[in-house]
C-alpha atoms as a PDB file:
ATOM      1  CA  MET A   1     -39.036-147.529  79.841  1.00  0.00           C
ATOM      2  CA  LYS A   2     -37.052-149.186  76.951  1.00  0.00           C
ATOM      3  CA  ILE A   3     -34.378-146.535  77.368  1.00  0.00           C
ATOM      4  CA  LEU A   4     -34.235-147.436  80.971  1.00  0.00           C
ATOM      5  CA  SER A   5     -34.483-150.865  81.147  1.00  0.00           C
ATOM      6  CA  MET A   6     -31.255-151.034  78.383  1.00  0.00           C
ATOM      7  CA  LEU A   7     -29.477-149.199  80.236  1.00  0.00           C
ATOM      8  CA  SER A   8     -30.074-150.738  83.779  1.00  0.00           C
ATOM      9  CA  MET A   9     -28.960-154.212  81.600  1.00  0.00           C
ATOM     10  CA  CYS A  10     -25.818-152.646  80.420  1.00  0.00           C
ATOM     11  CA  ALA A  11     -25.071-151.279  83.761  1.00  0.00           C
ATOM     12  CA  THR A  12     -25.420-154.636  85.522  1.00  0.00           C
ATOM     13  CA  SER A  13     -23.386-156.476  82.643  1.00  0.00           C
ATOM     14  CA  PHE A  14     -20.703-153.407  83.176  1.00  0.00           C
ATOM     15  CA  SER A  15     -17.968-154.580  85.382  1.00  0.00           C
ATOM     16  CA  TRP A  16     -14.283-152.811  86.000  1.00  0.00           C
ATOM     17  CA  LYS A  17     -12.791-156.160  87.046  1.00  0.00           C
ATOM     18  CA  GLU A  18     -13.184-157.307  83.316  1.00  0.00           C
ATOM     19  CA  LEU A  19     -12.832-153.666  82.352  1.00  0.00           C
ATOM     20  CA  TRP A  20      -8.613-154.024  83.312  1.00  0.00           C
ATOM     21  CA  LEU A  21      -7.756-157.328  84.217  1.00  0.00           C
ATOM     22  CA  GLY A  22      -9.765-159.812  81.127  1.00  0.00           C
ATOM     23  CA  ASN A  23     -10.931-162.648  83.162  1.00  0.00           C
ATOM     24  CA  GLU A  24      -7.745-162.575  85.303  1.00  0.00           C
ATOM     25  CA  ASP A  25      -7.476-162.132  89.197  1.00  0.00           C
ATOM     26  CA  TRP A  26      -5.545-158.936  90.695  1.00  0.00           C
ATOM     27  CA  SER A  27      -3.724-161.749  92.420  1.00  0.00           C
ATOM     28  CA  PHE A  28      -2.019-162.204  88.435  1.00  0.00           C
ATOM     29  CA  LEU A  29      -0.457-158.805  88.399  1.00  0.00           C
ATOM     30  CA  LEU A  30       2.150-160.045  90.657  1.00  0.00           C
ATOM     31  CA  GLU A  31       2.660-163.462  88.260  1.00  0.00           C
ATOM     32  CA  ILE A  32       3.068-160.396  85.015  1.00  0.00           C
ATOM     33  CA  ILE A  33       5.881-158.526  87.400  1.00  0.00           C
ATOM     34  CA  PHE A  34       7.466-161.925  87.544  1.00  0.00           C
ATOM     35  CA  ARG A  35       7.010-162.983  83.902  1.00  0.00           C
ATOM     36  CA  THR A  36       7.811-159.739  82.694  1.00  0.00           C
ATOM     37  CA  VAL A  37      10.791-159.034  84.649  1.00  0.00           C
ATOM     38  CA  ILE A  38      12.465-163.216  83.007  1.00  0.00           C
ATOM     39  CA  MET A  39      11.421-162.299  79.755  1.00  0.00           C
ATOM     40  CA  PHE A  40      13.226-158.961  80.072  1.00  0.00           C
ATOM     41  CA  PHE A  41      16.370-160.510  81.056  1.00  0.00           C
ATOM     42  CA  THR A  42      15.815-163.535  78.195  1.00  0.00           C
ATOM     43  CA  ILE A  43      15.681-160.942  75.547  1.00  0.00           C
ATOM     44  CA  ILE A  44      19.309-159.627  76.541  1.00  0.00           C
ATOM     45  CA  ILE A  45      20.740-162.527  76.938  1.00  0.00           C
ATOM     46  CA  GLY A  46      19.487-163.773  72.768  1.00  0.00           C
ATOM     47  CA  LEU A  47      20.824-160.562  71.938  1.00  0.00           C
ATOM     48  CA  ARG A  48      23.649-161.017  73.346  1.00  0.00           C
ATOM     49  CA  ALA A  49      24.311-164.398  71.390  1.00  0.00           C
ATOM     50  CA  LEU A  50      23.610-162.830  68.701  1.00  0.00           C
ATOM     51  CA  GLY A  51      25.951-160.382  68.875  1.00  0.00           C
ATOM     52  CA  LYS A  52      25.979-156.947  67.405  1.00  0.00           C
ATOM     53  CA  ARG A  53      25.971-158.230  63.850  1.00  0.00           C
ATOM     54  CA  GLY A  54      22.412-158.913  64.628  1.00  0.00           C
ATOM     55  CA  ILE A  55      21.440-155.455  66.983  1.00  0.00           C
ATOM     56  CA  LYS A  56      23.161-153.226  64.093  1.00  0.00           C
ATOM     57  CA  GLN A  57      20.892-151.876  61.156  1.00  0.00           C
ATOM     58  CA  LEU A  58      18.583-154.976  60.606  1.00  0.00           C
ATOM     59  CA  SER A  59      19.080-156.532  57.247  1.00  0.00           C
ATOM     60  CA  ILE A  60      15.233-158.526  56.711  1.00  0.00           C
ATOM     61  CA  PHE A  61      16.500-161.435  57.665  1.00  0.00           C
ATOM     62  CA  GLU A  62      17.049-160.000  60.960  1.00  0.00           C
ATOM     63  CA  LEU A  63      14.228-158.130  61.164  1.00  0.00           C
ATOM     64  CA  VAL A  64      12.706-161.516  60.322  1.00  0.00           C
ATOM     65  CA  VAL A  65      14.477-163.082  63.440  1.00  0.00           C
ATOM     66  CA  ILE A  66      14.025-160.052  66.285  1.00  0.00           C
ATOM     67  CA  ILE A  67      10.238-160.048  65.381  1.00  0.00           C
ATOM     68  CA  GLY A  68      10.614-163.726  66.206  1.00  0.00           C
ATOM     69  CA  LEU A  69      12.127-163.232  69.342  1.00  0.00           C
ATOM     70  CA  GLY A  70       9.914-160.409  70.346  1.00  0.00           C
ATOM     71  CA  SER A  71       7.181-163.066  69.814  1.00  0.00           C
ATOM     72  CA  ALA A  72       8.287-165.189  71.152  1.00  0.00           C
ATOM     73  CA  ALA A  73       8.316-162.583  74.244  1.00  0.00           C
ATOM     74  CA  GLY A  74       5.762-160.679  74.486  1.00  0.00           C
ATOM     75  CA  ASP A  75       3.227-163.575  75.114  1.00  0.00           C
ATOM     76  CA  PRO A  76       4.125-164.987  78.478  1.00  0.00           C
ATOM     77  CA  MET A  77       4.493-161.334  79.857  1.00  0.00           C
ATOM     78  CA  PHE A  78       1.150-161.012  80.041  1.00  0.00           C
ATOM     79  CA  ASN A  79      -0.765-164.630  78.829  1.00  0.00           C
ATOM     80  CA  LYS A  80      -1.163-166.888  81.728  1.00  0.00           C
ATOM     81  CA  ASP A  81      -1.949-169.711  79.117  1.00  0.00           C
ATOM     82  CA  VAL A  82       2.137-169.663  77.713  1.00  0.00           C
ATOM     83  CA  GLY A  83       4.766-171.224  79.898  1.00  0.00           C
ATOM     84  CA  ILE A  84       7.978-169.523  80.586  1.00  0.00           C
ATOM     85  CA  ILE A  85      10.225-172.674  79.525  1.00  0.00           C
ATOM     86  CA  SER A  86       8.581-173.106  75.865  1.00  0.00           C
ATOM     87  CA  SER A  87       9.134-169.580  75.410  1.00  0.00           C
ATOM     88  CA  ILE A  88      12.862-170.140  76.024  1.00  0.00           C
ATOM     89  CA  ILE A  89      13.052-173.444  74.287  1.00  0.00           C
ATOM     90  CA  VAL A  90      11.721-171.112  71.225  1.00  0.00           C
ATOM     91  CA  PHE A  91      14.306-168.326  71.824  1.00  0.00           C
ATOM     92  CA  ILE A  92      17.050-171.455  71.576  1.00  0.00           C
ATOM     93  CA  VAL A  93      15.996-172.505  69.014  1.00  0.00           C
ATOM     94  CA  ILE A  94      15.846-169.187  67.131  1.00  0.00           C
ATOM     95  CA  ILE A  95      18.805-168.481  68.486  1.00  0.00           C
ATOM     96  CA  ILE A  96      20.490-171.344  67.230  1.00  0.00           C
ATOM     97  CA  LEU A  97      18.867-171.381  63.400  1.00  0.00           C
ATOM     98  CA  TYR A  98      20.322-167.642  63.002  1.00  0.00           C
ATOM     99  CA  SER A  99      24.253-169.052  64.048  1.00  0.00           C
ATOM    100  CA  ILE A 100      23.501-171.782  61.327  1.00  0.00           C
ATOM    101  CA  ILE A 101      21.846-169.386  58.310  1.00  0.00           C
ATOM    102  CA  THR A 102      24.706-166.614  59.514  1.00  0.00           C
ATOM    103  CA  PHE A 103      27.170-169.358  58.885  1.00  0.00           C
ATOM    104  CA  LEU A 104      26.319-170.417  55.696  1.00  0.00           C
ATOM    105  CA  ILE A 105      25.979-166.701  54.770  1.00  0.00           C
ATOM    106  CA  GLY A 106      29.311-166.257  55.339  1.00  0.00           C
ATOM    107  CA  ARG A 107      30.753-169.558  54.257  1.00  0.00           C
ATOM    108  CA  TYR A 108      28.485-168.783  50.590  1.00  0.00           C
ATOM    109  CA  LYS A 109      27.940-166.229  48.861  1.00  0.00           C
ATOM    110  CA  LYS A 110      24.810-167.271  46.956  1.00  0.00           C
ATOM    111  CA  PHE A 111      22.903-168.017  49.833  1.00  0.00           C
ATOM    112  CA  GLU A 112      23.812-164.801  51.346  1.00  0.00           C
ATOM    113  CA  ASN A 113      22.099-163.427  48.254  1.00  0.00           C
ATOM    114  CA  LEU A 114      19.100-165.257  49.126  1.00  0.00           C
ATOM    115  CA  VAL A 115      18.675-164.945  52.682  1.00  0.00           C
ATOM    116  CA  GLU A 116      19.706-160.833  52.396  1.00  0.00           C
ATOM    117  CA  GLY A 117      19.642-160.060  48.830  1.00  0.00           C
ATOM    118  CA  LYS A 118      21.873-157.764  47.300  1.00  0.00           C
ATOM    119  CA  PRO A 119      23.221-154.054  46.953  1.00  0.00           C
ATOM    120  CA  ILE A 120      21.667-152.432  44.228  1.00  0.00           C
ATOM    121  CA  CYS A 121      22.872-149.763  42.435  1.00  0.00           C
ATOM    122  CA  LEU A 122      19.909-146.702  42.046  1.00  0.00           C
ATOM    123  CA  ILE A 123      21.743-143.991  40.590  1.00  0.00           C
ATOM    124  CA  GLU A 124      24.839-143.830  38.828  1.00  0.00           C
ATOM    125  CA  ASP A 125      26.268-140.413  36.618  1.00  0.00           C
ATOM    126  CA  GLY A 126      23.936-138.560  38.104  1.00  0.00           C
ATOM    127  CA  THR A 127      20.628-140.634  36.162  1.00  0.00           C
ATOM    128  CA  PHE A 128      18.634-142.663  37.678  1.00  0.00           C
ATOM    129  CA  ALA A 129      19.689-147.159  37.352  1.00  0.00           C
ATOM    130  CA  ILE A 130      15.775-147.487  35.802  1.00  0.00           C
ATOM    131  CA  ASP A 131      15.799-151.237  35.514  1.00  0.00           C
ATOM    132  CA  ASN A 132      17.319-151.590  39.144  1.00  0.00           C
ATOM    133  CA  PHE A 133      15.286-148.683  40.788  1.00  0.00           C
ATOM    134  CA  LYS A 134      12.321-150.317  40.022  1.00  0.00           C
ATOM    135  CA  LYS A 135      13.282-153.383  41.577  1.00  0.00           C
ATOM    136  CA  GLU A 136      13.292-151.636  44.763  1.00  0.00           C
ATOM    137  CA  ASP A 137       9.828-149.888  43.948  1.00  0.00           C
ATOM    138  CA  LEU A 138      10.714-146.944  45.900  1.00  0.00           C
ATOM    139  CA  GLY A 139       8.004-143.769  45.031  1.00  0.00           C
ATOM    140  CA  SER A 140      10.349-140.809  43.572  1.00  0.00           C
ATOM    141  CA  ASP A 141       8.829-138.890  46.411  1.00  0.00           C
ATOM    142  CA  GLU A 142      10.141-141.471  49.235  1.00  0.00           C
ATOM    143  CA  PHE A 143      13.400-141.982  47.565  1.00  0.00           C
ATOM    144  CA  PHE A 144      13.698-138.065  47.006  1.00  0.00           C
ATOM    145  CA  SER A 145      13.170-137.155  50.780  1.00  0.00           C
ATOM    146  CA  GLU A 146      15.838-139.747  51.249  1.00  0.00           C
ATOM    147  CA  LEU A 147      18.142-138.029  49.380  1.00  0.00           C
ATOM    148  CA  ARG A 148      16.845-134.592  50.817  1.00  0.00           C
ATOM    149  CA  LEU A 149      18.312-135.817  53.659  1.00  0.00           C
ATOM    150  CA  LYS A 150      21.791-135.478  52.791  1.00  0.00           C
ATOM    151  CA  SER A 151      22.014-132.505  51.760  1.00  0.00           C
ATOM    152  CA  VAL A 152      21.416-133.314  47.890  1.00  0.00           C
ATOM    153  CA  SER A 153      18.981-131.201  45.750  1.00  0.00           C
ATOM    154  CA  GLN A 154      19.808-132.190  42.400  1.00  0.00           C
ATOM    155  CA  LEU A 155      20.995-135.844  40.722  1.00  0.00           C
ATOM    156  CA  GLY A 156      24.170-134.064  39.389  1.00  0.00           C
ATOM    157  CA  GLN A 157      25.975-133.662  42.283  1.00  0.00           C
ATOM    158  CA  ILE A 158      25.628-137.931  42.541  1.00  0.00           C
ATOM    159  CA  GLU A 159      28.264-140.276  41.449  1.00  0.00           C
ATOM    160  CA  THR A 160      26.962-143.235  42.471  1.00  0.00           C
ATOM    161  CA  ALA A 161      23.760-144.010  45.306  1.00  0.00           C
ATOM    162  CA  ILE A 162      23.870-148.182  46.449  1.00  0.00           C
ATOM    163  CA  ALA A 163      20.573-149.192  47.900  1.00  0.00           C
ATOM    164  CA  GLU A 164      22.331-151.490  50.567  1.00  0.00           C
ATOM    165  CA  THR A 165      20.602-154.638  51.672  1.00  0.00           C
ATOM    166  CA  SER A 166      19.662-153.085  55.429  1.00  0.00           C
ATOM    167  CA  GLY A 167      17.898-150.119  53.266  1.00  0.00           C
ATOM    168  CA  GLU A 168      20.183-147.798  53.912  1.00  0.00           C
ATOM    169  CA  ILE A 169      21.435-145.707  51.145  1.00  0.00           C
ATOM    170  CA  SER A 170      25.115-144.672  50.679  1.00  0.00           C
ATOM    171  CA  ILE A 171      25.804-142.184  48.197  1.00  0.00           C
ATOM    172  CA  PHE A 172      29.231-140.980  46.814  1.00  0.00           C
ATOM    173  CA  PHE A 173      29.341-137.820  45.299  1.00  0.00           C
ATOM    174  CA  TYR A 174      31.139-135.814  42.634  1.00  0.00           C
ATOM    175  CA  GLU A 175      33.366-133.760  43.796  1.00  0.00           C
ATOM    176  CA  GLU A 176      32.490-129.605  43.733  1.00  0.00           C
ATOM    177  CA  LYS A 177      34.121-129.216  40.951  1.00  0.00           C
ATOM    178  CA  GLU A 178      33.012-132.333  38.925  1.00  0.00           C
ATOM    179  CA  VAL A 179      29.495-131.360  40.084  1.00  0.00           C
ATOM    180  CA  LYS A 180      27.625-131.372  36.705  1.00  0.00           C
ATOM    181  CA  TYR A 181      23.910-130.212  35.637  1.00  0.00           C
ATOM    182  CA  GLY A 182      21.035-132.015  37.119  1.00  0.00           C
ATOM    183  CA  LEU A 183      17.285-133.586  37.627  1.00  0.00           C
ATOM    184  CA  PRO A 184      16.350-131.030  40.554  1.00  0.00           C
ATOM    185  CA  ILE A 185      14.820-132.805  43.476  1.00  0.00           C
ATOM    186  CA  MET A 186      13.303-130.532  45.815  1.00  0.00           C
ATOM    187  CA  PRO A 187       9.307-129.787  46.579  1.00  0.00           C
ATOM    188  CA  HIS A 188       7.598-129.680  43.831  1.00  0.00           C
ATOM    189  CA  SER A 189      10.605-128.656  41.109  1.00  0.00           C
ATOM    190  CA  LEU A 190       8.489-131.355  39.255  1.00  0.00           C
ATOM    191  CA  ASP A 191       5.023-129.999  38.840  1.00  0.00           C
ATOM    192  CA  ASN A 192       5.644-127.952  35.998  1.00  0.00           C
ATOM    193  CA  PRO A 193       7.175-130.807  33.386  1.00  0.00           C
ATOM    194  CA  ILE A 194       7.698-128.779  29.561  1.00  0.00           C
ATOM    195  CA  LYS A 195       7.777-130.353  26.187  1.00  0.00           C
ATOM    196  CA  TYR A 196       8.960-127.583  24.204  1.00  0.00           C
ATOM    197  CA  ILE A 197      11.734-125.174  25.234  1.00  0.00           C
ATOM    198  CA  HIS A 198      11.373-121.903  25.487  1.00  0.00           C
ATOM    199  CA  THR A 199      14.917-120.987  26.830  1.00  0.00           C
ATOM    200  CA  GLU A 200      17.858-122.637  25.630  1.00  0.00           C
ATOM    201  CA  GLY A 201      19.939-124.430  28.386  1.00  0.00           C
ATOM    202  CA  TYR A 202      20.202-127.561  30.156  1.00  0.00           C
ATOM    203  CA  TYR A 203      16.966-129.850  31.099  1.00  0.00           C
ATOM    204  CA  ALA A 204      16.541-133.068  32.781  1.00  0.00           C
ATOM    205  CA  CYS A 205      14.251-136.118  32.075  1.00  0.00           C
ATOM    206  CA  THR A 206      12.013-135.797  34.494  1.00  0.00           C
ATOM    207  CA  PHE A 207      11.422-139.722  34.545  1.00  0.00           C
ATOM    208  CA  CYS A 208      14.991-140.575  34.303  1.00  0.00           C
ATOM    209  CA  GLY A 209      17.600-137.967  35.117  1.00  0.00           C
ATOM    210  CA  TYR A 210      18.976-137.813  31.964  1.00  0.00           C
ATOM    211  CA  THR A 211      20.646-134.155  30.868  1.00  0.00           C
ATOM    212  CA  GLU A 212      21.423-132.330  27.568  1.00  0.00           C
ATOM    213  CA  PRO A 213      21.403-128.885  26.326  1.00  0.00           C
ATOM    214  CA  LYS A 214      18.352-128.242  24.460  1.00  0.00           C
ATOM    215  CA  SER A 215      17.666-125.205  21.906  1.00  0.00           C
ATOM    216  CA  ILE A 216      14.858-123.681  22.133  1.00  0.00           C
ATOM    217  CA  GLY A 217      11.940-125.623  20.146  1.00  0.00           C
ATOM    218  CA  ASN A 218       9.997-129.283  20.803  1.00  0.00           C
ATOM    219  CA  ALA A 219      12.039-130.606  23.305  1.00  0.00           C
ATOM    220  CA  GLY A 220      11.980-133.589  21.816  1.00  0.00           C
ATOM    221  CA  THR A 221      12.434-137.687  23.737  1.00  0.00           C
ATOM    222  CA  CYS A 222      15.020-138.431  26.311  1.00  0.00           C
ATOM    223  CA  LYS A 223      17.645-140.885  24.873  1.00  0.00           C
ATOM    224  CA  LYS A 224      18.330-143.039  27.269  1.00  0.00           C
ATOM    225  CA  CYS A 225      14.147-142.912  28.805  1.00  0.00           C
ATOM    226  CA  THR A 226      12.021-142.820  25.102  1.00  0.00           C
ATOM    227  CA  LYS A 227       9.839-140.300  27.635  1.00  0.00           C
ATOM    228  CA  GLU A 228       8.874-136.831  26.571  1.00  0.00           C
ATOM    229  CA  ASN A 229       8.821-134.646  29.485  1.00  0.00           C
ATOM    230  CA  TRP A 230      11.660-132.477  30.823  1.00  0.00           C
ATOM    231  CA  VAL A 231      12.391-129.776  33.633  1.00  0.00           C
ATOM    232  CA  GLU A 232      14.773-126.903  33.654  1.00  0.00           C
ATOM    233  CA  ALA A 233      18.242-129.138  34.965  1.00  0.00           C
ATOM    234  CA  SER A 234      19.732-127.443  38.144  1.00  0.00           C
ATOM    235  CA  ASN A 235      23.516-127.205  38.330  1.00  0.00           C
ATOM    236  CA  LYS A 236      23.593-126.309  42.282  1.00  0.00           C
ATOM    237  CA  LYS A 237      26.467-126.991  44.302  1.00  0.00           C
ATOM    238  CA  ARG A 238      26.254-129.160  47.586  1.00  0.00           C
ATOM    239  CA  ILE A 239      25.685-127.253  50.913  1.00  0.00           C
ATOM    240  CA  THR A 240      27.548-128.840  53.811  1.00  0.00           C
END
């Protein structure tokens, strides 16, 4: 009996209208359409006012601006308590702030570095720029995946890799004849590091990518980072 009573109470309290509309009336649906149309064109006008700089690959500063515009546009589309005029005012303020900050960025280099950051060198001469790499807080798997997407199989193919302020990674490659031995970055290539060399050849430090020829015996420590784990280096050329 208790179960039946509970089911009866649930059925009584359940409302299809509240499920689909919440506390609003059906008449508010037409208003939602009207609000969405207005805010949709407001977004277009706002982005046009920002210019092409605001809609290319986003920097942190530009991402904050877009999030701000999205928040200002989203709420009045379906929230009856948020007026459209107040949202448009938010749009105008954000665009004015964006214009002022963009002007200051173009005028003062230090301000630009403060707001947008600076490009950081991650790889130089086929090895990691360890201090800079730590600043970027990139996991090795994530970073190696980025490199593989650009047809990189080992670090000896790379002269310089730079993390841009937009988050993109720019890579400058050695000419094919200049490619040298480097740390392999293919999946599972670093799974079995060694500390003792059984076969003479080139070996790369698994931590920083420093590469050198080694003879049979104890692998020793890396001259660049003092780590002790090594893998056999690769001198494969890029296939493009």
